[in-house]
Amino acid sequence: MKIKNKNNCKKIKLADSYLKRLKGLMFKKNIDYGLLIETKLGSSIHTYFMNFSIDIYFIKNNIVFEKTTLAPWSFYKPKKEADYILEFKSNDFKIKKGEEILITRNNQEYLKALRI
Protein backbone atom coordinates (compact mmCIF):
# COMPACT_ATOMS: atom_id res chain seq x y z
CA MET A 1 0.00 0.00 0.00
CA LYS A 2 1.08 3.58 -0.58
CA ILE A 3 0.02 7.01 0.59
CA LYS A 4 0.41 10.01 -1.64
CA ASN A 5 -0.13 13.71 -1.14
CA LYS A 6 0.88 16.77 -3.16
CA ASN A 7 4.65 16.35 -2.77
CA ASN A 8 5.23 12.96 -1.18
CA CYS A 9 4.64 9.27 -1.70
CA LYS A 10 5.27 6.77 1.07
CA LYS A 11 4.81 3.03 1.56
CA ILE A 12 2.33 2.05 4.28
CA LYS A 13 1.43 -1.23 5.93
CA LEU A 14 -2.11 -2.18 6.92
CA ALA A 15 -2.93 -3.36 10.45
CA ASP A 16 -6.26 -5.07 9.76
CA SER A 17 -6.17 -7.96 12.25
CA TYR A 18 -6.27 -8.02 16.03
CA LEU A 19 -2.63 -9.16 16.29
CA LYS A 20 -1.37 -6.54 13.81
CA ARG A 21 -3.29 -3.78 15.61
CA LEU A 22 -2.02 -4.99 18.99
CA LYS A 23 1.63 -5.10 17.91
CA GLY A 24 1.55 -1.91 15.83
CA LEU A 25 5.04 -0.38 15.82
CA MET A 26 6.14 -1.79 19.18
CA PHE A 27 9.73 -3.06 19.42
CA LYS A 28 10.71 -1.59 16.03
CA LYS A 29 14.12 0.07 15.99
CA ASN A 30 13.35 2.19 12.93
CA ILE A 31 10.77 2.29 10.12
CA ASP A 32 10.71 3.61 6.55
CA TYR A 33 6.93 3.24 6.12
CA GLY A 34 3.67 4.34 7.71
CA LEU A 35 1.09 2.17 9.46
CA LEU A 36 -2.65 2.38 8.71
CA ILE A 37 -4.76 0.91 11.50
CA GLU A 38 -8.38 -0.05 10.86
CA THR A 39 -10.00 0.69 14.22
CA LYS A 40 -12.54 -1.79 15.57
CA LEU A 41 -12.83 -1.27 19.33
CA GLY A 42 -11.68 2.30 19.94
CA SER A 43 -9.30 4.99 18.80
CA SER A 44 -7.00 5.47 21.78
CA ILE A 45 -3.37 4.81 21.06
CA HIS A 46 -0.18 4.19 23.02
CA THR A 47 3.52 4.16 22.30
CA TYR A 48 4.54 1.66 24.98
CA PHE A 49 7.60 -0.42 24.02
CA MET A 50 8.41 1.99 21.17
CA ASN A 51 11.86 3.40 20.43
CA PHE A 52 10.93 6.63 18.62
CA SER A 53 8.25 9.36 18.48
CA ILE A 54 5.40 9.09 15.98
CA ASP A 55 2.97 11.46 14.24
CA ILE A 56 -0.59 10.15 14.40
CA TYR A 57 -3.47 11.17 12.11
CA PHE A 58 -7.05 10.24 13.08
CA ILE A 59 -9.45 9.71 10.14
CA LYS A 60 -13.28 9.63 10.22
CA ASN A 61 -15.48 9.52 7.11
CA ASN A 62 -12.38 9.99 4.93
CA ILE A 63 -11.39 13.21 6.75
CA VAL A 64 -8.29 13.63 8.90
CA PHE A 65 -9.85 15.36 11.90
CA GLU A 66 -7.00 15.30 14.42
CA LYS A 67 -3.20 15.01 14.52
CA THR A 68 -0.83 14.52 17.43
CA THR A 69 2.78 13.55 18.04
CA LEU A 70 3.57 11.03 20.77
CA ALA A 71 6.91 10.26 22.42
CA PRO A 72 7.66 6.68 23.51
CA TRP A 73 5.72 5.43 26.56
CA SER A 74 2.78 7.81 26.03
CA PHE A 75 -1.00 7.41 25.71
CA TYR A 76 -3.52 9.48 23.72
CA LYS A 77 -7.27 9.43 23.16
CA PRO A 78 -8.71 11.61 20.35
CA LYS A 79 -11.73 13.87 20.84
CA LYS A 80 -13.90 11.46 18.82
CA GLU A 81 -13.66 7.92 17.48
CA ALA A 82 -11.78 7.34 14.24
CA ASP A 83 -12.35 4.85 11.43
CA TYR A 84 -8.60 4.73 10.71
CA ILE A 85 -5.43 5.80 12.45
CA LEU A 86 -2.38 6.63 10.35
CA GLU A 87 1.05 6.53 12.03
CA PHE A 88 4.43 7.73 10.76
CA LYS A 89 7.80 8.21 12.38
CA SER A 90 7.79 11.80 13.64
CA ASN A 91 8.40 14.36 10.85
CA ASP A 92 8.58 11.58 8.22
CA PHE A 93 5.40 12.44 6.30
CA LYS A 94 3.72 15.83 6.60
CA ILE A 95 0.03 16.40 5.88
CA LYS A 96 -0.93 20.06 5.69
CA LYS A 97 -4.36 21.45 6.42
CA GLY A 98 -6.66 21.01 3.41
CA GLU A 99 -4.16 18.87 1.51
CA GLU A 100 -5.56 15.83 -0.27
CA ILE A 101 -4.01 12.42 0.36
CA LEU A 102 -4.67 9.15 -1.45
CA ILE A 103 -4.07 5.65 -0.10
CA THR A 104 -3.84 2.90 -2.72
CA ARG A 105 -3.73 -0.86 -2.49
CA ASN A 106 -2.63 -2.82 -5.58
CA ASN A 107 -2.94 0.41 -7.60
CA GLN A 108 -6.59 0.76 -6.53
CA GLU A 109 -7.91 3.61 -4.37
CA TYR A 110 -8.23 2.34 -0.81
CA LEU A 111 -8.90 5.46 1.20
CA LYS A 112 -9.07 9.06 0.07
CA ALA A 113 -8.87 11.65 2.83
CA LEU A 114 -8.84 15.42 3.18
CA ARG A 115 -7.32 17.04 6.22
CA ILE A 116 -9.51 19.81 7.65
C-alpha atoms as a PDB file:
ATOM      1  CA  MET A   1       0.000   0.000   0.000  1.00  0.00           C
ATOM      2  CA  LYS A   2       1.078   3.583  -0.581  1.00  0.00           C
ATOM      3  CA  ILE A   3       0.016   7.008   0.594  1.00  0.00           C
ATOM      4  CA  LYS A   4       0.409  10.007  -1.637  1.00  0.00           C
ATOM      5  CA  ASN A   5      -0.129  13.714  -1.137  1.00  0.00           C
ATOM      6  CA  LYS A   6       0.878  16.769  -3.161  1.00  0.00           C
ATOM      7  CA  ASN A   7       4.646  16.353  -2.772  1.00  0.00           C
ATOM      8  CA  ASN A   8       5.233  12.960  -1.181  1.00  0.00           C
ATOM      9  CA  CYS A   9       4.636   9.273  -1.702  1.00  0.00           C
ATOM     10  CA  LYS A  10       5.268   6.772   1.067  1.00  0.00           C
ATOM     11  CA  LYS A  11       4.813   3.025   1.563  1.00  0.00           C
ATOM     12  CA  ILE A  12       2.328   2.055   4.284  1.00  0.00           C
ATOM     13  CA  LYS A  13       1.429  -1.232   5.927  1.00  0.00           C
ATOM     14  CA  LEU A  14      -2.110  -2.179   6.920  1.00  0.00           C
ATOM     15  CA  ALA A  15      -2.930  -3.364  10.447  1.00  0.00           C
ATOM     16  CA  ASP A  16      -6.264  -5.073   9.758  1.00  0.00           C
ATOM     17  CA  SER A  17      -6.172  -7.961  12.250  1.00  0.00           C
ATOM     18  CA  TYR A  18      -6.265  -8.019  16.033  1.00  0.00           C
ATOM     19  CA  LEU A  19      -2.632  -9.156  16.285  1.00  0.00           C
ATOM     20  CA  LYS A  20      -1.368  -6.539  13.805  1.00  0.00           C
ATOM     21  CA  ARG A  21      -3.290  -3.779  15.611  1.00  0.00           C
ATOM     22  CA  LEU A  22      -2.020  -4.988  18.988  1.00  0.00           C
ATOM     23  CA  LYS A  23       1.627  -5.105  17.908  1.00  0.00           C
ATOM     24  CA  GLY A  24       1.548  -1.911  15.832  1.00  0.00           C
ATOM     25  CA  LEU A  25       5.042  -0.377  15.819  1.00  0.00           C
ATOM     26  CA  MET A  26       6.135  -1.793  19.180  1.00  0.00           C
ATOM     27  CA  PHE A  27       9.731  -3.055  19.422  1.00  0.00           C
ATOM     28  CA  LYS A  28      10.708  -1.595  16.028  1.00  0.00           C
ATOM     29  CA  LYS A  29      14.119   0.074  15.990  1.00  0.00           C
ATOM     30  CA  ASN A  30      13.352   2.187  12.933  1.00  0.00           C
ATOM     31  CA  ILE A  31      10.773   2.289  10.120  1.00  0.00           C
ATOM     32  CA  ASP A  32      10.713   3.606   6.551  1.00  0.00           C
ATOM     33  CA  TYR A  33       6.931   3.238   6.119  1.00  0.00           C
ATOM     34  CA  GLY A  34       3.669   4.335   7.712  1.00  0.00           C
ATOM     35  CA  LEU A  35       1.087   2.167   9.464  1.00  0.00           C
ATOM     36  CA  LEU A  36      -2.646   2.381   8.713  1.00  0.00           C
ATOM     37  CA  ILE A  37      -4.765   0.913  11.501  1.00  0.00           C
ATOM     38  CA  GLU A  38      -8.384  -0.046  10.862  1.00  0.00           C
ATOM     39  CA  THR A  39      -9.998   0.689  14.222  1.00  0.00           C
ATOM     40  CA  LYS A  40     -12.541  -1.786  15.571  1.00  0.00           C
ATOM     41  CA  LEU A  41     -12.826  -1.271  19.325  1.00  0.00           C
ATOM     42  CA  GLY A  42     -11.675   2.302  19.936  1.00  0.00           C
ATOM     43  CA  SER A  43      -9.304   4.994  18.804  1.00  0.00           C
ATOM     44  CA  SER A  44      -7.005   5.465  21.783  1.00  0.00           C
ATOM     45  CA  ILE A  45      -3.365   4.808  21.063  1.00  0.00           C
ATOM     46  CA  HIS A  46      -0.181   4.190  23.021  1.00  0.00           C
ATOM     47  CA  THR A  47       3.522   4.159  22.300  1.00  0.00           C
ATOM     48  CA  TYR A  48       4.541   1.658  24.981  1.00  0.00           C
ATOM     49  CA  PHE A  49       7.596  -0.424  24.023  1.00  0.00           C
ATOM     50  CA  MET A  50       8.412   1.986  21.173  1.00  0.00           C
ATOM     51  CA  ASN A  51      11.861   3.402  20.430  1.00  0.00           C
ATOM     52  CA  PHE A  52      10.926   6.634  18.621  1.00  0.00           C
ATOM     53  CA  SER A  53       8.254   9.359  18.482  1.00  0.00           C
ATOM     54  CA  ILE A  54       5.402   9.089  15.975  1.00  0.00           C
ATOM     55  CA  ASP A  55       2.974  11.459  14.236  1.00  0.00           C
ATOM     56  CA  ILE A  56      -0.591  10.150  14.402  1.00  0.00           C
ATOM     57  CA  TYR A  57      -3.472  11.170  12.114  1.00  0.00           C
ATOM     58  CA  PHE A  58      -7.049  10.241  13.084  1.00  0.00           C
ATOM     59  CA  ILE A  59      -9.453   9.712  10.142  1.00  0.00           C
ATOM     60  CA  LYS A  60     -13.276   9.625  10.224  1.00  0.00           C
ATOM     61  CA  ASN A  61     -15.482   9.520   7.105  1.00  0.00           C
ATOM     62  CA  ASN A  62     -12.378   9.987   4.930  1.00  0.00           C
ATOM     63  CA  ILE A  63     -11.392  13.205   6.746  1.00  0.00           C
ATOM     64  CA  VAL A  64      -8.285  13.631   8.900  1.00  0.00           C
ATOM     65  CA  PHE A  65      -9.847  15.361  11.898  1.00  0.00           C
ATOM     66  CA  GLU A  66      -6.999  15.297  14.415  1.00  0.00           C
ATOM     67  CA  LYS A  67      -3.199  15.013  14.522  1.00  0.00           C
ATOM     68  CA  THR A  68      -0.835  14.516  17.434  1.00  0.00           C
ATOM     69  CA  THR A  69       2.781  13.549  18.045  1.00  0.00           C
ATOM     70  CA  LEU A  70       3.574  11.026  20.775  1.00  0.00           C
ATOM     71  CA  ALA A  71       6.905  10.257  22.422  1.00  0.00           C
ATOM     72  CA  PRO A  72       7.662   6.680  23.512  1.00  0.00           C
ATOM     73  CA  TRP A  73       5.718   5.435  26.558  1.00  0.00           C
ATOM     74  CA  SER A  74       2.776   7.814  26.026  1.00  0.00           C
ATOM     75  CA  PHE A  75      -0.996   7.406  25.710  1.00  0.00           C
ATOM     76  CA  TYR A  76      -3.522   9.484  23.720  1.00  0.00           C
ATOM     77  CA  LYS A  77      -7.271   9.428  23.159  1.00  0.00           C
ATOM     78  CA  PRO A  78      -8.705  11.607  20.353  1.00  0.00           C
ATOM     79  CA  LYS A  79     -11.729  13.865  20.839  1.00  0.00           C
ATOM     80  CA  LYS A  80     -13.899  11.458  18.817  1.00  0.00           C
ATOM     81  CA  GLU A  81     -13.665   7.917  17.483  1.00  0.00           C
ATOM     82  CA  ALA A  82     -11.775   7.340  14.238  1.00  0.00           C
ATOM     83  CA  ASP A  83     -12.350   4.853  11.426  1.00  0.00           C
ATOM     84  CA  TYR A  84      -8.605   4.726  10.711  1.00  0.00           C
ATOM     85  CA  ILE A  85      -5.426   5.803  12.450  1.00  0.00           C
ATOM     86  CA  LEU A  86      -2.378   6.634  10.353  1.00  0.00           C
ATOM     87  CA  GLU A  87       1.049   6.525  12.028  1.00  0.00           C
ATOM     88  CA  PHE A  88       4.428   7.729  10.756  1.00  0.00           C
ATOM     89  CA  LYS A  89       7.802   8.212  12.380  1.00  0.00           C
ATOM     90  CA  SER A  90       7.786  11.800  13.645  1.00  0.00           C
ATOM     91  CA  ASN A  91       8.404  14.356  10.846  1.00  0.00           C
ATOM     92  CA  ASP A  92       8.582  11.583   8.223  1.00  0.00           C
ATOM     93  CA  PHE A  93       5.396  12.437   6.297  1.00  0.00           C
ATOM     94  CA  LYS A  94       3.721  15.826   6.596  1.00  0.00           C
ATOM     95  CA  ILE A  95       0.034  16.402   5.882  1.00  0.00           C
ATOM     96  CA  LYS A  96      -0.933  20.063   5.687  1.00  0.00           C
ATOM     97  CA  LYS A  97      -4.363  21.453   6.417  1.00  0.00           C
ATOM     98  CA  GLY A  98      -6.661  21.009   3.415  1.00  0.00           C
ATOM     99  CA  GLU A  99      -4.159  18.867   1.511  1.00  0.00           C
ATOM    100  CA  GLU A 100      -5.561  15.827  -0.267  1.00  0.00           C
ATOM    101  CA  ILE A 101      -4.006  12.417   0.358  1.00  0.00           C
ATOM    102  CA  LEU A 102      -4.665   9.155  -1.446  1.00  0.00           C
ATOM    103  CA  ILE A 103      -4.071   5.649  -0.103  1.00  0.00           C
ATOM    104  CA  THR A 104      -3.843   2.904  -2.722  1.00  0.00           C
ATOM    105  CA  ARG A 105      -3.727  -0.863  -2.493  1.00  0.00           C
ATOM    106  CA  ASN A 106      -2.630  -2.824  -5.577  1.00  0.00           C
ATOM    107  CA  ASN A 107      -2.941   0.407  -7.605  1.00  0.00           C
ATOM    108  CA  GLN A 108      -6.589   0.756  -6.533  1.00  0.00           C
ATOM    109  CA  GLU A 109      -7.906   3.611  -4.374  1.00  0.00           C
ATOM    110  CA  TYR A 110      -8.231   2.335  -0.812  1.00  0.00           C
ATOM    111  CA  LEU A 111      -8.902   5.463   1.198  1.00  0.00           C
ATOM    112  CA  LYS A 112      -9.066   9.060   0.074  1.00  0.00           C
ATOM    113  CA  ALA A 113      -8.868  11.654   2.832  1.00  0.00           C
ATOM    114  CA  LEU A 114      -8.842  15.419   3.181  1.00  0.00           C
ATOM    115  CA  ARG A 115      -7.324  17.042   6.220  1.00  0.00           C
ATOM    116  CA  ILE A 116      -9.507  19.814   7.652  1.00  0.00           C
END
